[in-house]
Structures are given as structure tokens and as C-alpha cells.
Amino acid sequence: MGFRGTARLGTALALAVSALLAGAVLFATPAHVVAEEAVIPVAANGKSSGLRVPRFVSLKSNKVNVRRGPSTDQAIVWVFSRAGLPVEVIAEFENWRRVRDSEGADGWVFHSLLSGRRTVLVSPWSKAGQGAPVSIPLHERRSAGSGVVAQLQPGVIGDLVACDGQWCELSVGSYSGYVQQQKLWGVYRDEKIE
């Protein structure tokens, strides 16, 4: 092998080492930093599913392993333990979906553990003030002046029936009614669902 062949081999090895180091840095990055970088500002169709990314889905099971990367060889970083919990799909890789929860944490979940059924969390960011629990009214109609069917506590999961961009119709247990869309996590601002 002449000088040029040796130089090409050296360049190829340097590129391979650089790529491996870049991958090591990516996987060594704390999850919250990776979550911020994984925000996808424009909706596009996922290459694996053909469905819109980002999109909201829900968990099928009370036990869903969340992994560091899209493989069963990757470490489990935490376990979701609440069936029906809404999560946001922010990326796809083959049969794996990168999901983000209402607190901004993200990781990879196998696609069969997710459902297209839409659910929402009621005001998960609300805090109780001065010992009194914060509650969100479930209205009879799409109006703040309408009667209240029930008071919903932050973190309650509701089944999403429809949204008009301002109000969403929910079913929570044996109750159904309307909540202002801005008080829900699991639906996008101004999103319309029929």
C-alpha cells in the first residue's frame, strides 16, 4: 500500500473514531438535555409509521419500560405504571417510538405498548395553594358560564372525545363534559379533533 492508500486508510479511521465519539457523547448526555433537543417544531410524517410526528398517543399497559435508546439492548431508564397516560411521540426508529411525558422526560418505547386512543391529563402543572387543592371545572357546555358537572383534580386522566380549538369534550369515569383546551396536556393548542 502506497502513501495515498495509507493516508486514505488513516482518514477513514479518523472519521470512524469521530463518529463513535459523537455517538458516545449523545448517549452520555443527560435525558433532560436530549429531550430539549428532540423537540420537533414542524409536523412531518414518521418514516416508520407514516403517521404525524409529533403526535399524542396513550399507554396500553400499566407497565411500560422506557429505554435510553431504540433497542432491548438499551438500559431501562424508568417504567411508566399508568395505563391510559398520554405521551407525545417525538421521533420514530423502526418499531420504536421516542416519547415525552407531561414533565418533559423522554425515552424510547416499543410501538406495540402505545395506543392511538387519545387521552389527556388535566392541568398536570397546577399546584395546590395554601392547603386547598386546585381543581378544574368540567362544564356541561362549551362555556365558562355553564353548569359544572364535576371538579377535576390535576393529573386526572380523561378520555378525549372532541376538541374545537378552545374547548375539549372529555369523559372521566361516569362523568362527561367540557374543559378549556388550555388546561389539558395531551392535545395541542388550537388542535381540532372530531
Protein backbone atom coordinates (compact mmCIF):
# COMPACT_ATOMS: atom_id res chain seq x y z
CA MET A 1 0.00 0.00 0.00
CA GLY A 2 1.48 3.35 -1.06
CA PHE A 3 1.37 6.71 0.72
CA ARG A 4 -2.08 7.61 -0.74
CA GLY A 5 -3.60 4.29 0.35
CA THR A 6 -2.18 4.74 3.86
CA ALA A 7 -3.46 8.34 4.00
CA ARG A 8 -6.96 7.26 2.90
CA LEU A 9 -7.00 4.48 5.49
CA GLY A 10 -5.87 6.95 8.18
CA THR A 11 -8.59 9.42 7.17
CA ALA A 12 -11.25 6.69 7.17
CA LEU A 13 -10.15 5.52 10.63
CA ALA A 14 -10.20 9.11 11.94
CA LEU A 15 -13.75 9.60 10.61
CA ALA A 16 -14.91 6.32 12.16
CA VAL A 17 -13.41 7.25 15.56
CA SER A 18 -15.04 10.71 15.34
CA ALA A 19 -18.42 9.13 14.62
CA LEU A 20 -18.05 6.71 17.55
CA LEU A 21 -17.09 9.55 19.89
CA ALA A 22 -20.06 11.64 18.72
CA GLY A 23 -22.36 8.67 19.45
CA ALA A 24 -20.81 8.22 22.90
CA VAL A 25 -21.38 11.91 23.68
CA LEU A 26 -25.01 11.65 22.55
CA PHE A 27 -25.72 8.67 24.81
CA ALA A 28 -23.80 10.25 27.71
CA THR A 29 -25.91 13.41 27.53
CA PRO A 30 -28.43 13.73 30.38
CA ALA A 31 -32.01 12.85 29.36
CA HIS A 32 -33.40 16.34 30.01
CA VAL A 33 -30.87 17.90 27.63
CA VAL A 34 -31.66 15.34 24.92
CA ALA A 35 -35.39 15.99 25.44
CA GLU A 36 -34.94 19.70 24.71
CA GLU A 37 -33.01 18.91 21.55
CA ALA A 38 -35.62 16.38 20.42
CA VAL A 39 -38.38 18.98 20.07
CA ILE A 40 -39.64 18.81 16.52
CA PRO A 41 -41.06 22.21 15.56
CA VAL A 42 -42.80 21.17 12.33
CA ALA A 43 -45.08 18.16 11.99
CA ALA A 44 -43.98 15.61 9.41
CA ASN A 45 -44.88 12.03 8.70
CA GLY A 46 -42.78 9.45 10.53
CA LYS A 47 -40.71 7.22 8.26
CA SER A 48 -41.65 4.07 10.17
CA SER A 49 -45.39 4.55 10.72
CA GLY A 50 -46.34 7.18 8.16
CA LEU A 51 -48.18 9.00 10.97
CA ARG A 52 -47.62 12.60 12.01
CA VAL A 53 -44.65 13.33 14.26
CA PRO A 54 -45.04 14.82 16.80
CA ARG A 55 -48.39 13.37 17.89
CA PHE A 56 -50.11 12.34 21.11
CA VAL A 57 -50.89 8.71 21.94
CA SER A 58 -51.56 6.84 25.18
CA LEU A 59 -50.02 3.89 27.01
CA LYS A 60 -51.71 0.48 26.59
CA SER A 61 -50.36 -1.09 29.77
CA ASN A 62 -49.75 -0.39 33.45
CA LYS A 63 -46.10 -1.37 32.91
CA VAL A 64 -44.21 0.24 30.02
CA ASN A 65 -40.40 0.18 30.00
CA VAL A 66 -38.76 3.37 28.77
CA ARG A 67 -35.29 2.79 27.35
CA ARG A 68 -32.29 5.01 26.69
CA GLY A 69 -32.27 4.04 23.01
CA PRO A 70 -34.40 2.17 20.45
CA SER A 71 -33.42 -1.41 21.34
CA THR A 72 -34.00 -4.01 24.05
CA ASP A 73 -30.21 -3.91 24.48
CA GLN A 74 -30.52 -0.35 25.80
CA ALA A 75 -30.90 0.29 29.53
CA ILE A 76 -34.35 0.85 31.04
CA VAL A 77 -34.27 4.39 32.40
CA TRP A 78 -37.70 4.27 34.06
CA VAL A 79 -41.05 2.46 33.90
CA PHE A 80 -44.44 4.06 33.24
CA SER A 81 -47.02 2.50 35.55
CA ARG A 82 -50.30 4.08 34.45
CA ALA A 83 -52.31 2.69 31.53
CA GLY A 84 -54.04 5.41 29.52
CA LEU A 85 -51.40 8.02 30.32
CA PRO A 86 -50.95 10.41 27.37
CA VAL A 87 -47.45 10.72 25.90
CA GLU A 88 -46.13 12.61 22.90
CA VAL A 89 -44.34 10.71 20.12
CA ILE A 90 -41.42 12.94 19.12
CA ALA A 91 -39.40 10.53 16.92
CA GLU A 92 -39.56 7.10 15.33
CA PHE A 93 -36.97 4.45 14.56
CA GLU A 94 -38.23 1.20 13.04
CA ASN A 95 -40.62 -0.31 15.66
CA TRP A 96 -39.57 2.12 18.40
CA ARG A 97 -41.11 5.44 19.35
CA ARG A 98 -39.36 8.19 21.28
CA VAL A 99 -41.94 9.58 23.68
CA ARG A 100 -42.08 12.56 26.02
CA ASP A 101 -44.26 12.79 29.12
CA SER A 102 -46.00 15.83 30.65
CA GLU A 103 -42.90 16.62 32.73
CA GLY A 104 -40.64 16.74 29.65
CA ALA A 105 -38.77 13.46 30.26
CA ASP A 106 -38.25 11.35 27.16
CA GLY A 107 -37.11 7.88 26.14
CA TRP A 108 -37.80 5.03 23.74
CA VAL A 109 -40.82 2.69 23.92
CA PHE A 110 -41.69 -0.29 21.73
CA HIS A 111 -44.57 0.68 19.42
CA SER A 112 -46.95 -2.12 20.46
CA LEU A 113 -47.13 -0.66 24.00
CA LEU A 114 -48.75 2.52 22.64
CA SER A 115 -52.34 3.14 21.59
CA GLY A 116 -53.77 5.66 19.16
CA ARG A 117 -56.56 6.30 21.70
CA ARG A 118 -56.40 9.95 22.74
CA THR A 119 -56.38 10.79 26.41
CA VAL A 120 -55.45 13.97 28.30
CA LEU A 121 -54.07 14.91 31.68
CA VAL A 122 -55.98 17.62 33.50
CA SER A 123 -53.70 20.54 34.37
CA PRO A 124 -50.65 18.45 35.49
CA TRP A 125 -48.63 21.65 36.05
CA SER A 126 -51.05 23.04 38.69
CA LYS A 127 -50.00 23.18 42.31
CA ALA A 128 -52.22 23.25 45.36
CA GLY A 129 -52.07 26.61 47.10
CA GLN A 130 -52.41 27.21 50.85
CA GLY A 131 -53.55 23.66 51.53
CA ALA A 132 -56.57 23.86 49.21
CA PRO A 133 -56.43 21.52 46.20
CA VAL A 134 -56.64 23.17 42.79
CA SER A 135 -59.48 21.81 40.71
CA ILE A 136 -60.58 22.32 37.13
CA PRO A 137 -64.32 22.51 36.39
CA LEU A 138 -65.88 20.00 33.98
CA HIS A 139 -68.65 22.08 32.37
CA GLU A 140 -72.00 21.00 30.91
CA ARG A 141 -71.37 23.01 27.73
CA ARG A 142 -68.54 24.84 25.95
CA SER A 143 -68.91 27.89 28.17
CA ALA A 144 -67.31 29.02 31.42
CA GLY A 145 -70.77 30.25 32.44
CA SER A 146 -72.41 26.83 32.05
CA GLY A 147 -73.14 24.50 34.95
CA VAL A 148 -70.36 22.40 36.45
CA VAL A 149 -70.72 18.63 36.22
CA ALA A 150 -67.64 17.80 38.34
CA GLN A 151 -64.42 19.29 39.71
CA LEU A 152 -61.32 17.54 38.31
CA GLN A 153 -58.07 17.32 40.26
CA PRO A 154 -54.72 17.97 38.50
CA GLY A 155 -53.30 14.79 36.98
CA VAL A 156 -56.66 13.11 36.36
CA ILE A 157 -56.75 11.22 33.04
CA GLY A 158 -59.70 11.87 30.76
CA ASP A 159 -60.73 10.18 27.53
CA LEU A 160 -60.73 12.75 24.75
CA VAL A 161 -63.95 12.83 22.73
CA ALA A 162 -63.57 16.01 20.64
CA CYS A 163 -61.92 19.45 20.62
CA ASP A 164 -62.87 22.62 18.75
CA GLY A 165 -59.61 24.52 19.39
CA GLN A 166 -60.92 26.21 22.56
CA TRP A 167 -62.85 23.52 24.45
CA CYS A 168 -62.45 19.74 24.65
CA GLU A 169 -65.17 17.24 25.40
CA LEU A 170 -63.97 14.64 27.91
CA SER A 171 -65.20 11.52 29.57
CA VAL A 172 -63.80 10.98 33.07
CA GLY A 173 -65.21 7.90 34.77
CA SER A 174 -69.00 8.22 34.71
CA TYR A 175 -68.82 11.99 34.05
CA SER A 176 -68.64 13.77 30.72
CA GLY A 177 -68.44 17.42 29.84
CA TYR A 178 -66.17 20.18 28.60
CA VAL A 179 -62.84 21.61 29.77
CA GLN A 180 -60.96 24.57 28.33
CA GLN A 181 -58.33 23.16 26.00
CA GLN A 182 -55.50 25.23 27.52
CA LYS A 183 -56.00 23.37 30.84
CA LEU A 184 -55.18 19.98 29.31
CA TRP A 185 -51.95 18.18 28.43
CA GLY A 186 -52.27 15.68 25.60
CA VAL A 187 -53.77 17.98 22.98
CA TYR A 188 -52.04 20.73 21.03
CA ARG A 189 -53.03 24.39 21.22
CA ASP A 190 -55.84 25.11 18.75
CA GLU A 191 -55.92 21.42 17.68
CA LYS A 192 -59.32 20.29 16.41
CA ILE A 193 -60.43 16.72 16.95
CA GLU A 194 -63.71 15.24 15.74
